[in-house]
C-alpha cells in the first residue's frame, strides 16, 4: 500500500506513506525551486494514529532518516 501527497514550503516536498508489514513509514523527498541542488530525502516511522501531514511538517523542519 502507498499513498502520496505534496507539501509546498521553500521547497516542494512529496511524501509517500508506505506500509511495511505491520509498520507505517512516511518517506519524503524535496524538489528545489530552480536550484541545481540535490533533492533531500528523508523518512520517519509513524504510529498508527499519527496524522501524516503533522509528521511531514516535522520532517520538513528537521529532515532525518528512519532506516
C-alpha atoms as a PDB file:
ATOM      1  CA  UNK A   1       0.000   0.000   0.000  1.00  0.00           C
ATOM      2  CA  UNK A   2       1.244   3.500  -0.781  1.00  0.00           C
ATOM      3  CA  UNK A   3      -0.411   6.929  -0.765  1.00  0.00           C
ATOM      4  CA  UNK A   4       1.278  10.126  -1.989  1.00  0.00           C
ATOM      5  CA  UNK A   5       0.726  13.814  -1.152  1.00  0.00           C
ATOM      6  CA  UNK A   6       2.699  17.067  -1.535  1.00  0.00           C
ATOM      7  CA  UNK A   7       3.510  19.962   0.792  1.00  0.00           C
ATOM      8  CA  UNK A   8       4.832  23.289  -0.521  1.00  0.00           C
ATOM      9  CA  UNK A   9       7.255  25.387   1.521  1.00  0.00           C
ATOM     10  CA  UNK A  10      10.597  26.846   0.417  1.00  0.00           C
ATOM     11  CA  UNK A  11      10.923  23.563  -1.471  1.00  0.00           C
ATOM     12  CA  UNK A  12       8.245  21.348  -2.949  1.00  0.00           C
ATOM     13  CA  UNK A  13       8.064  18.186  -0.847  1.00  0.00           C
ATOM     14  CA  UNK A  14       6.452  14.934  -1.950  1.00  0.00           C
ATOM     15  CA  UNK A  15       5.570  12.376   0.706  1.00  0.00           C
ATOM     16  CA  UNK A  16       4.581   8.763   0.384  1.00  0.00           C
ATOM     17  CA  UNK A  17       3.025   6.570   3.063  1.00  0.00           C
ATOM     18  CA  UNK A  18       4.351   3.039   2.827  1.00  0.00           C
ATOM     19  CA  UNK A  19       3.026   0.040   4.724  1.00  0.00           C
ATOM     20  CA  UNK A  20       5.906  -2.302   5.578  1.00  0.00           C
ATOM     21  CA  UNK A  21       4.486  -5.379   7.291  1.00  0.00           C
ATOM     22  CA  UNK A  22       2.692  -4.020  10.337  1.00  0.00           C
ATOM     23  CA  UNK A  23       4.605  -0.705  10.334  1.00  0.00           C
ATOM     24  CA  UNK A  24       3.838   2.549   8.556  1.00  0.00           C
ATOM     25  CA  UNK A  25       6.662   4.694   7.192  1.00  0.00           C
ATOM     26  CA  UNK A  26       6.464   8.207   5.758  1.00  0.00           C
ATOM     27  CA  UNK A  27       9.072   8.793   3.045  1.00  0.00           C
ATOM     28  CA  UNK A  28       9.707  12.290   1.713  1.00  0.00           C
ATOM     29  CA  UNK A  29      11.820  13.968  -0.925  1.00  0.00           C
ATOM     30  CA  UNK A  30      12.187  17.610  -1.892  1.00  0.00           C
ATOM     31  CA  UNK A  31      12.451  19.226  -5.277  1.00  0.00           C
ATOM     32  CA  UNK A  32      14.280  22.583  -5.061  1.00  0.00           C
ATOM     33  CA  UNK A  33      12.635  25.509  -6.891  1.00  0.00           C
ATOM     34  CA  UNK A  34      15.000  26.474  -9.733  1.00  0.00           C
ATOM     35  CA  UNK A  35      18.147  25.434  -7.839  1.00  0.00           C
ATOM     36  CA  UNK A  36      20.766  22.938  -9.000  1.00  0.00           C
ATOM     37  CA  UNK A  37      20.734  21.331  -5.524  1.00  0.00           C
ATOM     38  CA  UNK A  38      20.269  17.624  -4.979  1.00  0.00           C
ATOM     39  CA  UNK A  39      16.836  16.614  -3.687  1.00  0.00           C
ATOM     40  CA  UNK A  40      16.645  15.953   0.038  1.00  0.00           C
ATOM     41  CA  UNK A  41      15.358  12.501   1.031  1.00  0.00           C
ATOM     42  CA  UNK A  42      14.083  11.613   4.483  1.00  0.00           C
ATOM     43  CA  UNK A  43      11.779   9.200   6.271  1.00  0.00           C
ATOM     44  CA  UNK A  44      10.143   8.536   9.619  1.00  0.00           C
ATOM     45  CA  UNK A  45       8.307   5.640  11.221  1.00  0.00           C
ATOM     46  CA  UNK A  46       4.772   6.549  12.208  1.00  0.00           C
ATOM     47  CA  UNK A  47       2.469   5.476  14.997  1.00  0.00           C
ATOM     48  CA  UNK A  48      -0.942   4.172  13.852  1.00  0.00           C
ATOM     49  CA  UNK A  49      -2.908   7.264  14.970  1.00  0.00           C
ATOM     50  CA  UNK A  50      -0.421   9.955  13.887  1.00  0.00           C
ATOM     51  CA  UNK A  51      -1.531  12.421  11.224  1.00  0.00           C
ATOM     52  CA  UNK A  52       0.783  12.038   8.169  1.00  0.00           C
ATOM     53  CA  UNK A  53       0.712  15.792   7.499  1.00  0.00           C
ATOM     54  CA  UNK A  54       1.940  16.541  11.044  1.00  0.00           C
ATOM     55  CA  UNK A  55       4.819  14.081  10.583  1.00  0.00           C
ATOM     56  CA  UNK A  56       5.526  15.588   7.131  1.00  0.00           C
ATOM     57  CA  UNK A  57       5.796  19.112   8.576  1.00  0.00           C
ATOM     58  CA  UNK A  58       8.121  17.804  11.319  1.00  0.00           C
ATOM     59  CA  UNK A  59      10.343  16.204   8.643  1.00  0.00           C
ATOM     60  CA  UNK A  60      10.443  19.462   6.674  1.00  0.00           C
ATOM     61  CA  UNK A  61      11.647  21.285   9.806  1.00  0.00           C
ATOM     62  CA  UNK A  62      14.146  18.543  10.786  1.00  0.00           C
ATOM     63  CA  UNK A  63      14.855  16.047   7.973  1.00  0.00           C
ATOM     64  CA  UNK A  64      16.030  12.642   9.213  1.00  0.00           C
ATOM     65  CA  UNK A  65      16.061   9.037   8.107  1.00  0.00           C
ATOM     66  CA  UNK A  66      14.334   6.085   9.785  1.00  0.00           C
ATOM     67  CA  UNK A  67      16.451   3.425   8.103  1.00  0.00           C
END
